[in-house]
Amino acid sequence: MKTRNLSILLASLFVIAGAVFAAGARAAGEVPAPPAIGSTIDDFTLPDVDNKDRTLKSLAGKNGTVLIFIAVQCPVSNAYNERMAKLAEDYQAKGIAVIGINSNAAEDASAVKAHAAEHKLAFPILKDPGNKIADRLGASVTPEAYFIDPNNKLLYHGRIDNARNPAQLETSDLRNALDAALAGKTIEKTEAKAFGCTIKRA
């Protein structure tokens, strides 16, 4: 009887230990959930590629701001370089600012600066040490976009459009959201799952 009880006890301990290990493993690699549409995104401060601290408030557009998590080495993010540059150019005149955020631990500021120059990304790009802002916003891939209104209310989160290859483009989800907001209309699609390379967290 004692042997049987001991076996049951040991088996129970293995089950508990396994569950704790699994939970720990999930927590270690888990990306926090993004804020819900309609949530307010708090102001934050990050260094730019010249190591100058910049706040979200100081870079925001009068009619809203687009935050895009981007990367130097990700082929999906790089496939969007031209589209991101054009997006920033088109909407700057309409009062919407575009801000890039690089949260990849292995891509330092000098690499980000060189990459931006090479691909003519004229919008501000900030480094996110320790992926604090990526964690706050629940960003998981590059590119991944967040559109907030002048009061920092989240209006859209997700992909830029439906296709890495511009020839297969069918719906420009982010532009549709921006255009609707500028026209004072309801944004029909407030979320569209982003796709790309996983953000390489610290």
N, C-alpha and C. Protein backbone atom coordinates (compact mmCIF):
# COMPACT_ATOMS: atom_id res chain seq x y z
N MET A 1 0.83 -1.21 0.00
CA MET A 1 0.00 0.00 0.00
C MET A 1 0.86 1.26 0.00
N LYS A 2 1.95 1.20 0.86
CA LYS A 2 2.84 2.36 0.94
C LYS A 2 3.53 2.59 -0.41
N THR A 3 3.93 1.49 -1.06
CA THR A 3 4.61 1.60 -2.36
C THR A 3 3.69 2.22 -3.40
N ARG A 4 2.41 1.77 -3.35
CA ARG A 4 1.43 2.31 -4.30
C ARG A 4 1.21 3.80 -4.07
N ASN A 5 1.09 4.19 -2.81
CA ASN A 5 0.89 5.60 -2.47
C ASN A 5 2.08 6.45 -2.89
N LEU A 6 3.29 5.87 -2.69
CA LEU A 6 4.52 6.58 -3.08
C LEU A 6 4.56 6.78 -4.59
N SER A 7 4.15 5.76 -5.32
CA SER A 7 4.13 5.84 -6.79
C SER A 7 3.16 6.93 -7.26
N ILE A 8 1.98 6.96 -6.60
CA ILE A 8 0.98 7.98 -6.95
C ILE A 8 1.51 9.38 -6.66
N LEU A 9 2.18 9.51 -5.51
CA LEU A 9 2.74 10.80 -5.11
C LEU A 9 3.80 11.27 -6.11
N LEU A 10 4.71 10.34 -6.48
CA LEU A 10 5.77 10.68 -7.44
C LEU A 10 5.18 11.05 -8.79
N ALA A 11 4.17 10.30 -9.22
CA ALA A 11 3.52 10.60 -10.50
C ALA A 11 2.88 11.98 -10.47
N SER A 12 2.25 12.31 -9.35
CA SER A 12 1.61 13.62 -9.20
C SER A 12 2.64 14.75 -9.26
N LEU A 13 3.77 14.50 -8.59
CA LEU A 13 4.83 15.51 -8.60
C LEU A 13 5.38 15.75 -10.00
N PHE A 14 5.53 14.67 -10.78
CA PHE A 14 6.01 14.81 -12.17
C PHE A 14 5.03 15.61 -13.01
N VAL A 15 3.73 15.35 -12.80
CA VAL A 15 2.69 16.08 -13.55
C VAL A 15 2.73 17.56 -13.21
N ILE A 16 2.84 17.86 -11.90
CA ILE A 16 2.89 19.26 -11.46
C ILE A 16 4.13 19.95 -12.00
N ALA A 17 5.27 19.25 -11.87
CA ALA A 17 6.53 19.84 -12.37
C ALA A 17 6.46 20.10 -13.86
N GLY A 18 5.86 19.17 -14.60
CA GLY A 18 5.72 19.34 -16.05
C GLY A 18 4.85 20.52 -16.40
N ALA A 19 3.77 20.68 -15.66
CA ALA A 19 2.86 21.81 -15.91
C ALA A 19 3.54 23.13 -15.63
N VAL A 20 4.31 23.18 -14.53
CA VAL A 20 5.03 24.41 -14.18
C VAL A 20 6.06 24.74 -15.25
N PHE A 21 6.79 23.71 -15.72
CA PHE A 21 7.80 23.93 -16.77
C PHE A 21 7.16 24.43 -18.05
N ALA A 22 6.03 23.80 -18.43
CA ALA A 22 5.33 24.21 -19.66
C ALA A 22 4.84 25.65 -19.56
N ALA A 23 4.29 26.01 -18.38
CA ALA A 23 3.80 27.37 -18.19
C ALA A 23 4.94 28.37 -18.27
N GLY A 24 6.09 28.00 -17.67
CA GLY A 24 7.26 28.87 -17.72
C GLY A 24 7.77 29.05 -19.12
N ALA A 25 7.76 27.95 -19.89
CA ALA A 25 8.23 28.02 -21.27
C ALA A 25 7.32 28.91 -22.11
N ARG A 26 5.99 28.78 -21.87
CA ARG A 26 5.05 29.63 -22.61
C ARG A 26 5.25 31.09 -22.26
N ALA A 27 5.43 31.35 -20.95
CA ALA A 27 5.59 32.74 -20.51
C ALA A 27 6.84 33.36 -21.08
N ALA A 28 7.91 32.58 -21.19
CA ALA A 28 9.19 33.11 -21.67
C ALA A 28 9.11 33.57 -23.12
N GLY A 29 8.36 32.82 -23.94
CA GLY A 29 8.31 33.18 -25.36
C GLY A 29 7.02 33.86 -25.76
N GLU A 30 6.21 34.19 -24.80
CA GLU A 30 4.89 34.73 -25.08
C GLU A 30 4.95 36.22 -25.38
N VAL A 31 4.24 36.63 -26.43
CA VAL A 31 4.11 38.05 -26.76
C VAL A 31 2.86 38.57 -26.06
N PRO A 32 2.97 39.66 -25.31
CA PRO A 32 1.78 40.20 -24.63
C PRO A 32 0.67 40.52 -25.62
N ALA A 33 -0.56 40.43 -25.16
CA ALA A 33 -1.71 40.75 -26.02
C ALA A 33 -1.70 42.23 -26.38
N PRO A 34 -2.03 42.56 -27.62
CA PRO A 34 -2.09 43.98 -28.00
C PRO A 34 -3.26 44.67 -27.32
N PRO A 35 -3.19 45.99 -27.18
CA PRO A 35 -4.32 46.73 -26.62
C PRO A 35 -5.54 46.62 -27.53
N ALA A 36 -6.71 46.69 -26.94
CA ALA A 36 -7.94 46.59 -27.72
C ALA A 36 -8.14 47.86 -28.55
N ILE A 37 -8.81 47.71 -29.68
CA ILE A 37 -9.18 48.88 -30.48
C ILE A 37 -10.01 49.81 -29.59
N GLY A 38 -9.67 51.09 -29.63
CA GLY A 38 -10.34 52.07 -28.78
C GLY A 38 -9.55 52.41 -27.53
N SER A 39 -8.53 51.60 -27.23
CA SER A 39 -7.67 51.89 -26.07
C SER A 39 -6.80 53.11 -26.35
N THR A 40 -6.37 53.76 -25.28
CA THR A 40 -5.46 54.89 -25.40
C THR A 40 -4.03 54.40 -25.25
N ILE A 41 -3.18 54.80 -26.19
CA ILE A 41 -1.76 54.44 -26.15
C ILE A 41 -1.01 55.55 -25.42
N ASP A 42 -0.40 55.23 -24.31
CA ASP A 42 0.33 56.24 -23.53
C ASP A 42 1.55 56.75 -24.29
N ASP A 43 1.88 58.00 -24.03
CA ASP A 43 3.08 58.58 -24.62
C ASP A 43 4.30 57.76 -24.18
N PHE A 44 5.31 57.74 -25.03
CA PHE A 44 6.54 57.03 -24.68
C PHE A 44 7.75 57.76 -25.25
N THR A 45 8.91 57.42 -24.75
CA THR A 45 10.16 58.01 -25.21
C THR A 45 11.11 56.91 -25.67
N LEU A 46 11.66 57.06 -26.88
CA LEU A 46 12.63 56.11 -27.41
C LEU A 46 13.75 56.88 -28.11
N PRO A 47 14.95 56.33 -28.18
CA PRO A 47 16.02 56.99 -28.91
C PRO A 47 15.87 56.80 -30.41
N ASP A 48 16.22 57.83 -31.18
CA ASP A 48 16.24 57.67 -32.63
C ASP A 48 17.59 57.08 -33.05
N VAL A 49 17.85 57.01 -34.34
CA VAL A 49 19.07 56.36 -34.82
C VAL A 49 20.34 57.16 -34.49
N ASP A 50 20.16 58.42 -34.07
CA ASP A 50 21.29 59.24 -33.63
C ASP A 50 21.37 59.30 -32.11
N ASN A 51 20.62 58.41 -31.46
CA ASN A 51 20.59 58.29 -29.99
C ASN A 51 20.02 59.52 -29.30
N LYS A 52 19.16 60.24 -30.01
CA LYS A 52 18.47 61.38 -29.43
C LYS A 52 17.09 60.91 -28.98
N ASP A 53 16.73 61.18 -27.74
CA ASP A 53 15.43 60.76 -27.23
C ASP A 53 14.30 61.51 -27.92
N ARG A 54 13.31 60.77 -28.36
CA ARG A 54 12.13 61.35 -29.01
C ARG A 54 10.88 60.80 -28.34
N THR A 55 9.89 61.65 -28.18
CA THR A 55 8.63 61.20 -27.60
C THR A 55 7.60 60.99 -28.71
N LEU A 56 6.64 60.13 -28.44
CA LEU A 56 5.54 59.94 -29.38
C LEU A 56 4.84 61.27 -29.61
N LYS A 57 4.62 62.02 -28.53
CA LYS A 57 3.91 63.30 -28.62
C LYS A 57 4.62 64.27 -29.56
N SER A 58 5.95 64.30 -29.49
CA SER A 58 6.71 65.26 -30.31
C SER A 58 6.70 64.91 -31.80
N LEU A 59 6.46 63.64 -32.11
CA LEU A 59 6.50 63.19 -33.51
C LEU A 59 5.11 62.99 -34.11
N ALA A 60 4.09 63.06 -33.28
CA ALA A 60 2.73 62.75 -33.72
C ALA A 60 2.23 63.74 -34.76
N GLY A 61 1.34 63.27 -35.62
CA GLY A 61 0.71 64.12 -36.61
C GLY A 61 -0.56 64.76 -36.03
N LYS A 62 -0.95 65.90 -36.57
CA LYS A 62 -2.13 66.59 -36.03
C LYS A 62 -3.42 65.80 -36.26
N ASN A 63 -3.41 64.93 -37.27
CA ASN A 63 -4.60 64.13 -37.57
C ASN A 63 -4.41 62.64 -37.26
N GLY A 64 -3.30 62.33 -36.60
CA GLY A 64 -3.08 60.93 -36.23
C GLY A 64 -1.66 60.48 -36.52
N THR A 65 -1.34 59.29 -36.07
CA THR A 65 0.02 58.76 -36.19
C THR A 65 -0.04 57.27 -36.49
N VAL A 66 0.86 56.85 -37.38
CA VAL A 66 1.00 55.42 -37.70
C VAL A 66 2.34 54.95 -37.13
N LEU A 67 2.30 53.93 -36.30
CA LEU A 67 3.50 53.29 -35.79
C LEU A 67 3.68 51.98 -36.57
N ILE A 68 4.86 51.80 -37.15
CA ILE A 68 5.12 50.55 -37.89
C ILE A 68 6.38 49.89 -37.34
N PHE A 69 6.25 48.68 -36.87
CA PHE A 69 7.41 47.92 -36.43
C PHE A 69 8.10 47.35 -37.66
N ILE A 70 9.37 47.71 -37.82
CA ILE A 70 10.10 47.35 -39.03
C ILE A 70 11.43 46.68 -38.66
N ALA A 71 12.12 46.16 -39.66
CA ALA A 71 13.38 45.46 -39.43
C ALA A 71 14.38 45.76 -40.53
N VAL A 72 15.64 45.51 -40.24
CA VAL A 72 16.71 45.69 -41.22
C VAL A 72 16.83 44.45 -42.11
N GLN A 73 16.80 43.28 -41.48
CA GLN A 73 17.10 42.04 -42.21
C GLN A 73 15.88 41.24 -42.66
N CYS A 74 14.72 41.56 -42.17
CA CYS A 74 13.52 40.78 -42.51
C CYS A 74 13.13 40.99 -43.98
N PRO A 75 13.06 39.92 -44.78
CA PRO A 75 12.69 40.09 -46.20
C PRO A 75 11.26 40.58 -46.40
N VAL A 76 10.37 40.26 -45.47
CA VAL A 76 8.98 40.73 -45.60
C VAL A 76 8.92 42.24 -45.34
N SER A 77 9.57 42.68 -44.26
CA SER A 77 9.61 44.11 -43.98
C SER A 77 10.27 44.86 -45.14
N ASN A 78 11.35 44.29 -45.66
CA ASN A 78 12.07 44.95 -46.76
C ASN A 78 11.22 45.01 -48.04
N ALA A 79 10.33 44.04 -48.21
CA ALA A 79 9.44 44.07 -49.37
C ALA A 79 8.48 45.26 -49.30
N TYR A 80 8.32 45.81 -48.11
CA TYR A 80 7.40 46.95 -47.89
C TYR A 80 8.12 48.29 -47.82
N ASN A 81 9.43 48.32 -47.98
CA ASN A 81 10.15 49.58 -47.82
C ASN A 81 9.59 50.69 -48.71
N GLU A 82 9.42 50.38 -49.97
CA GLU A 82 8.92 51.38 -50.92
C GLU A 82 7.51 51.84 -50.55
N ARG A 83 6.67 50.87 -50.17
CA ARG A 83 5.28 51.21 -49.80
C ARG A 83 5.22 52.03 -48.51
N MET A 84 6.11 51.72 -47.57
CA MET A 84 6.14 52.49 -46.32
C MET A 84 6.61 53.91 -46.57
N ALA A 85 7.62 54.07 -47.43
CA ALA A 85 8.12 55.40 -47.76
C ALA A 85 7.04 56.23 -48.45
N LYS A 86 6.31 55.59 -49.35
CA LYS A 86 5.23 56.28 -50.08
C LYS A 86 4.07 56.62 -49.15
N LEU A 87 3.76 55.72 -48.22
CA LEU A 87 2.71 55.96 -47.23
C LEU A 87 3.03 57.21 -46.42
N ALA A 88 4.27 57.28 -45.93
CA ALA A 88 4.69 58.44 -45.12
C ALA A 88 4.60 59.73 -45.93
N GLU A 89 5.04 59.66 -47.17
CA GLU A 89 5.02 60.84 -48.04
C GLU A 89 3.59 61.28 -48.34
N ASP A 90 2.73 60.33 -48.67
CA ASP A 90 1.35 60.66 -49.05
C ASP A 90 0.55 61.27 -47.90
N TYR A 91 0.77 60.77 -46.69
CA TYR A 91 -0.08 61.18 -45.58
C TYR A 91 0.51 62.30 -44.72
N GLN A 92 1.78 62.61 -44.93
CA GLN A 92 2.37 63.72 -44.19
C GLN A 92 1.62 65.01 -44.48
N ALA A 93 1.31 65.23 -45.75
CA ALA A 93 0.58 66.44 -46.15
C ALA A 93 -0.85 66.45 -45.61
N LYS A 94 -1.34 65.28 -45.20
CA LYS A 94 -2.71 65.19 -44.67
C LYS A 94 -2.72 65.19 -43.15
N GLY A 95 -1.56 65.43 -42.55
CA GLY A 95 -1.51 65.56 -41.10
C GLY A 95 -1.36 64.26 -40.34
N ILE A 96 -1.00 63.19 -41.04
CA ILE A 96 -0.76 61.91 -40.36
C ILE A 96 0.73 61.57 -40.46
N ALA A 97 1.35 61.38 -39.31
CA ALA A 97 2.78 61.07 -39.26
C ALA A 97 2.99 59.56 -39.24
N VAL A 98 4.09 59.14 -39.86
CA VAL A 98 4.50 57.74 -39.81
C VAL A 98 5.79 57.65 -39.00
N ILE A 99 5.82 56.72 -38.05
CA ILE A 99 7.00 56.50 -37.21
C ILE A 99 7.36 55.03 -37.28
N GLY A 100 8.61 54.74 -37.62
CA GLY A 100 9.09 53.36 -37.61
C GLY A 100 9.67 53.03 -36.24
N ILE A 101 9.51 51.79 -35.82
CA ILE A 101 10.11 51.32 -34.57
C ILE A 101 10.84 50.01 -34.85
N ASN A 102 12.11 49.95 -34.48
CA ASN A 102 12.88 48.72 -34.62
C ASN A 102 13.13 48.14 -33.24
N SER A 103 12.55 46.97 -32.97
CA SER A 103 12.65 46.33 -31.66
C SER A 103 13.57 45.11 -31.68
N ASN A 104 14.20 44.84 -32.82
CA ASN A 104 15.08 43.68 -32.92
C ASN A 104 16.37 43.91 -32.15
N ALA A 105 16.65 43.03 -31.20
CA ALA A 105 17.81 43.20 -30.31
C ALA A 105 19.14 43.21 -31.07
N ALA A 106 19.22 42.43 -32.16
CA ALA A 106 20.49 42.29 -32.88
C ALA A 106 20.75 43.39 -33.91
N GLU A 107 19.79 44.27 -34.12
CA GLU A 107 19.94 45.33 -35.12
C GLU A 107 20.16 46.66 -34.41
N ASP A 108 21.41 47.11 -34.38
CA ASP A 108 21.73 48.32 -33.62
C ASP A 108 21.37 49.58 -34.40
N ALA A 109 21.50 50.71 -33.74
CA ALA A 109 21.09 52.00 -34.32
C ALA A 109 21.83 52.32 -35.61
N SER A 110 23.11 51.98 -35.66
CA SER A 110 23.90 52.29 -36.87
C SER A 110 23.40 51.48 -38.06
N ALA A 111 23.01 50.22 -37.81
CA ALA A 111 22.48 49.38 -38.89
C ALA A 111 21.13 49.91 -39.36
N VAL A 112 20.32 50.35 -38.41
CA VAL A 112 19.00 50.90 -38.73
C VAL A 112 19.15 52.19 -39.55
N LYS A 113 20.08 53.02 -39.15
CA LYS A 113 20.32 54.29 -39.86
C LYS A 113 20.79 54.05 -41.28
N ALA A 114 21.73 53.12 -41.46
CA ALA A 114 22.25 52.80 -42.79
C ALA A 114 21.16 52.20 -43.68
N HIS A 115 20.36 51.35 -43.09
CA HIS A 115 19.26 50.72 -43.82
C HIS A 115 18.25 51.77 -44.29
N ALA A 116 17.91 52.70 -43.42
CA ALA A 116 16.96 53.76 -43.77
C ALA A 116 17.48 54.63 -44.91
N ALA A 117 18.77 54.95 -44.84
CA ALA A 117 19.38 55.77 -45.90
C ALA A 117 19.38 55.02 -47.23
N GLU A 118 19.73 53.75 -47.17
CA GLU A 118 19.81 52.93 -48.39
C GLU A 118 18.45 52.81 -49.07
N HIS A 119 17.39 52.68 -48.26
CA HIS A 119 16.05 52.45 -48.82
C HIS A 119 15.18 53.71 -48.83
N LYS A 120 15.82 54.85 -48.57
CA LYS A 120 15.12 56.15 -48.64
C LYS A 120 13.88 56.19 -47.74
N LEU A 121 14.05 55.70 -46.51
CA LEU A 121 12.98 55.79 -45.52
C LEU A 121 13.17 57.10 -44.77
N ALA A 122 12.41 58.12 -45.18
CA ALA A 122 12.61 59.47 -44.66
C ALA A 122 11.87 59.72 -43.34
N PHE A 123 10.97 58.84 -42.96
CA PHE A 123 10.24 59.05 -41.71
C PHE A 123 11.12 58.66 -40.51
N PRO A 124 10.83 59.20 -39.32
CA PRO A 124 11.65 58.89 -38.15
C PRO A 124 11.58 57.40 -37.81
N ILE A 125 12.74 56.84 -37.44
CA ILE A 125 12.79 55.45 -37.00
C ILE A 125 13.44 55.43 -35.62
N LEU A 126 12.77 54.79 -34.69
CA LEU A 126 13.23 54.75 -33.30
C LEU A 126 13.70 53.34 -32.94
N LYS A 127 14.67 53.27 -32.06
CA LYS A 127 15.11 51.98 -31.52
C LYS A 127 14.36 51.72 -30.22
N ASP A 128 14.03 50.46 -30.02
CA ASP A 128 13.22 50.05 -28.85
C ASP A 128 14.04 49.09 -27.98
N PRO A 129 14.96 49.64 -27.17
CA PRO A 129 15.83 48.78 -26.35
C PRO A 129 15.00 47.91 -25.39
N GLY A 130 15.33 46.62 -25.37
CA GLY A 130 14.60 45.72 -24.50
C GLY A 130 13.18 45.47 -24.94
N ASN A 131 12.86 45.83 -26.19
CA ASN A 131 11.52 45.68 -26.78
C ASN A 131 10.36 46.08 -25.86
N LYS A 132 10.57 47.17 -25.11
CA LYS A 132 9.54 47.61 -24.16
C LYS A 132 8.25 48.04 -24.86
N ILE A 133 8.40 48.80 -25.96
CA ILE A 133 7.20 49.29 -26.66
C ILE A 133 6.55 48.16 -27.46
N ALA A 134 7.38 47.28 -28.02
CA ALA A 134 6.82 46.11 -28.71
C ALA A 134 5.99 45.28 -27.74
N ASP A 135 6.48 45.14 -26.52
CA ASP A 135 5.73 44.40 -25.50
C ASP A 135 4.46 45.14 -25.10
N ARG A 136 4.58 46.46 -24.95
CA ARG A 136 3.41 47.26 -24.54
C ARG A 136 2.29 47.17 -25.57
N LEU A 137 2.69 47.15 -26.85
CA LEU A 137 1.69 47.13 -27.92
C LEU A 137 1.39 45.72 -28.42
N GLY A 138 2.09 44.72 -27.88
CA GLY A 138 1.84 43.35 -28.30
C GLY A 138 2.25 43.09 -29.74
N ALA A 139 3.26 43.82 -30.22
CA ALA A 139 3.74 43.62 -31.59
C ALA A 139 4.53 42.32 -31.68
N SER A 140 4.28 41.53 -32.71
CA SER A 140 4.96 40.24 -32.82
C SER A 140 5.78 40.08 -34.10
N VAL A 141 5.45 40.83 -35.15
CA VAL A 141 6.15 40.64 -36.43
C VAL A 141 6.53 41.98 -37.06
N THR A 142 7.37 41.88 -38.10
CA THR A 142 7.68 43.05 -38.92
C THR A 142 7.32 42.73 -40.37
N PRO A 143 6.54 43.62 -41.03
CA PRO A 143 5.99 44.87 -40.50
C PRO A 143 4.65 44.64 -39.79
N GLU A 144 4.38 45.47 -38.80
CA GLU A 144 3.11 45.45 -38.09
C GLU A 144 2.75 46.89 -37.75
N ALA A 145 1.53 47.30 -38.07
CA ALA A 145 1.14 48.71 -37.99
C ALA A 145 0.06 48.98 -36.94
N TYR A 146 0.16 50.18 -36.36
CA TYR A 146 -0.83 50.68 -35.39
C TYR A 146 -1.16 52.10 -35.80
N PHE A 147 -2.44 52.41 -35.94
CA PHE A 147 -2.88 53.76 -36.28
C PHE A 147 -3.64 54.34 -35.09
N ILE A 148 -3.16 55.47 -34.60
CA ILE A 148 -3.81 56.13 -33.47
C ILE A 148 -4.26 57.53 -33.88
N ASP A 149 -5.34 57.98 -33.27
CA ASP A 149 -5.87 59.30 -33.59
C ASP A 149 -5.13 60.39 -32.82
N PRO A 150 -5.49 61.66 -32.98
CA PRO A 150 -4.75 62.74 -32.30
C PRO A 150 -4.78 62.64 -30.77
N ASN A 151 -5.73 61.88 -30.23
CA ASN A 151 -5.81 61.68 -28.78
C ASN A 151 -5.18 60.35 -28.35
N ASN A 152 -4.41 59.75 -29.26
CA ASN A 152 -3.72 58.48 -29.01
C ASN A 152 -4.67 57.29 -28.84
N LYS A 153 -5.86 57.41 -29.37
CA LYS A 153 -6.81 56.29 -29.33
C LYS A 153 -6.50 55.35 -30.50
N LEU A 154 -6.38 54.06 -30.20
CA LEU A 154 -6.05 53.08 -31.23
C LEU A 154 -7.26 52.83 -32.14
N LEU A 155 -7.05 53.10 -33.44
CA LEU A 155 -8.14 52.95 -34.41
C LEU A 155 -7.97 51.73 -35.31
N TYR A 156 -6.70 51.34 -35.55
CA TYR A 156 -6.44 50.19 -36.45
C TYR A 156 -5.16 49.50 -36.00
N HIS A 157 -5.14 48.17 -36.12
CA HIS A 157 -3.95 47.39 -35.81
C HIS A 157 -3.87 46.21 -36.76
N GLY A 158 -2.67 46.02 -37.33
CA GLY A 158 -2.49 44.83 -38.16
C GLY A 158 -1.56 45.05 -39.33
N ARG A 159 -1.90 44.40 -40.43
CA ARG A 159 -1.04 44.44 -41.62
C ARG A 159 -1.18 45.77 -42.35
N ILE A 160 -0.21 46.03 -43.23
CA ILE A 160 -0.28 47.22 -44.08
C ILE A 160 -1.26 46.96 -45.22
N ASP A 161 -1.11 45.82 -45.85
CA ASP A 161 -2.05 45.38 -46.89
C ASP A 161 -2.01 43.85 -46.93
N ASN A 162 -2.59 43.26 -47.94
CA ASN A 162 -2.76 41.80 -47.93
C ASN A 162 -1.62 41.00 -48.55
N ALA A 163 -0.65 41.66 -49.21
CA ALA A 163 0.32 40.88 -49.97
C ALA A 163 1.74 41.43 -49.90
N ARG A 164 2.67 40.53 -49.61
CA ARG A 164 4.09 40.89 -49.66
C ARG A 164 4.49 41.33 -51.07
N ASN A 165 3.95 40.63 -52.06
CA ASN A 165 4.22 40.96 -53.47
C ASN A 165 3.20 42.00 -53.93
N PRO A 166 3.67 43.20 -54.29
CA PRO A 166 2.73 44.27 -54.70
C PRO A 166 1.82 43.86 -55.86
N ALA A 167 2.28 42.94 -56.70
CA ALA A 167 1.47 42.52 -57.85
C ALA A 167 0.23 41.76 -57.41
N GLN A 168 0.24 41.25 -56.17
CA GLN A 168 -0.90 40.48 -55.66
C GLN A 168 -1.77 41.30 -54.70
N LEU A 169 -1.54 42.59 -54.66
CA LEU A 169 -2.26 43.45 -53.73
C LEU A 169 -3.74 43.56 -54.10
N GLU A 170 -4.58 43.28 -53.11
CA GLU A 170 -6.03 43.35 -53.32
C GLU A 170 -6.71 44.34 -52.38
N THR A 171 -6.15 44.48 -51.17
CA THR A 171 -6.76 45.40 -50.22
C THR A 171 -5.71 46.11 -49.38
N SER A 172 -5.75 47.43 -49.37
CA SER A 172 -4.79 48.24 -48.61
C SER A 172 -5.43 48.62 -47.27
N ASP A 173 -5.40 47.68 -46.33
CA ASP A 173 -6.13 47.84 -45.07
C ASP A 173 -5.75 49.10 -44.31
N LEU A 174 -4.46 49.37 -44.21
CA LEU A 174 -4.01 50.53 -43.44
C LEU A 174 -4.43 51.82 -44.12
N ARG A 175 -4.21 51.94 -45.42
CA ARG A 175 -4.62 53.15 -46.14
C ARG A 175 -6.14 53.35 -46.05
N ASN A 176 -6.88 52.27 -46.13
CA ASN A 176 -8.34 52.38 -46.01
C ASN A 176 -8.74 52.96 -44.66
N ALA A 177 -8.03 52.52 -43.61
CA ALA A 177 -8.32 53.03 -42.27
C ALA A 177 -7.98 54.52 -42.17
N LEU A 178 -6.84 54.89 -42.72
CA LEU A 178 -6.42 56.31 -42.68
C LEU A 178 -7.41 57.18 -43.44
N ASP A 179 -7.79 56.73 -44.62
CA ASP A 179 -8.70 57.52 -45.46
C ASP A 179 -10.07 57.68 -44.79
N ALA A 180 -10.54 56.61 -44.15
CA ALA A 180 -11.84 56.69 -43.47
C ALA A 180 -11.78 57.68 -42.32
N ALA A 181 -10.70 57.61 -41.53
CA ALA A 181 -10.56 58.53 -40.39
C ALA A 181 -10.48 59.97 -40.85
N LEU A 182 -9.73 60.22 -41.92
CA LEU A 182 -9.60 61.58 -42.43
C LEU A 182 -10.93 62.11 -42.96
N ALA A 183 -11.76 61.21 -43.46
CA ALA A 183 -13.06 61.61 -44.00
C ALA A 183 -14.14 61.67 -42.92
N GLY A 184 -13.75 61.35 -41.68
CA GLY A 184 -14.72 61.37 -40.59
C GLY A 184 -15.67 60.19 -40.62
N LYS A 185 -15.28 59.12 -41.31
CA LYS A 185 -16.14 57.94 -41.43
C LYS A 185 -15.68 56.84 -40.46
N THR A 186 -16.54 55.88 -40.25
CA THR A 186 -16.20 54.73 -39.41
C THR A 186 -15.23 53.82 -40.16
N ILE A 187 -14.20 53.36 -39.49
CA ILE A 187 -13.26 52.43 -40.10
C ILE A 187 -13.91 51.05 -40.10
N GLU A 188 -14.12 50.51 -41.29
CA GLU A 188 -14.85 49.25 -41.41
C GLU A 188 -14.05 48.06 -40.88
N LYS A 189 -12.76 48.02 -41.21
CA LYS A 189 -11.91 46.92 -40.74
C LYS A 189 -10.86 47.51 -39.81
N THR A 190 -11.04 47.29 -38.51
CA THR A 190 -10.13 47.88 -37.52
C THR A 190 -8.95 46.96 -37.20
N GLU A 191 -9.04 45.70 -37.60
CA GLU A 191 -7.95 44.76 -37.36
C GLU A 191 -7.80 43.82 -38.55
N ALA A 192 -6.55 43.55 -38.90
CA ALA A 192 -6.25 42.58 -39.95
C ALA A 192 -4.90 41.96 -39.57
N LYS A 193 -4.86 40.67 -39.41
CA LYS A 193 -3.68 39.99 -38.86
C LYS A 193 -2.41 40.33 -39.63
N ALA A 194 -1.41 40.82 -38.92
CA ALA A 194 -0.12 41.14 -39.53
C ALA A 194 0.65 39.87 -39.82
N PHE A 195 1.51 39.92 -40.83
CA PHE A 195 2.36 38.78 -41.16
C PHE A 195 3.77 39.29 -41.44
N GLY A 196 4.75 38.45 -41.22
CA GLY A 196 6.13 38.87 -41.46
C GLY A 196 7.09 38.07 -40.61
N CYS A 197 8.25 38.65 -40.32
CA CYS A 197 9.27 37.99 -39.51
C CYS A 197 9.03 38.28 -38.03
N THR A 198 9.26 37.29 -37.21
CA THR A 198 9.10 37.46 -35.76
C THR A 198 10.07 38.50 -35.24
N ILE A 199 9.59 39.39 -34.39
CA ILE A 199 10.48 40.36 -33.74
C ILE A 199 11.44 39.60 -32.84
N LYS A 200 12.75 39.87 -33.02
CA LYS A 200 13.78 39.17 -32.24
C LYS A 200 14.01 39.91 -30.94
N ARG A 201 13.26 39.49 -29.93
CA ARG A 201 13.29 40.18 -28.64
C ARG A 201 14.58 39.92 -27.86
N ALA A 202 14.85 40.83 -26.93
CA ALA A 202 16.04 40.70 -26.09
C ALA A 202 15.85 39.55 -25.10
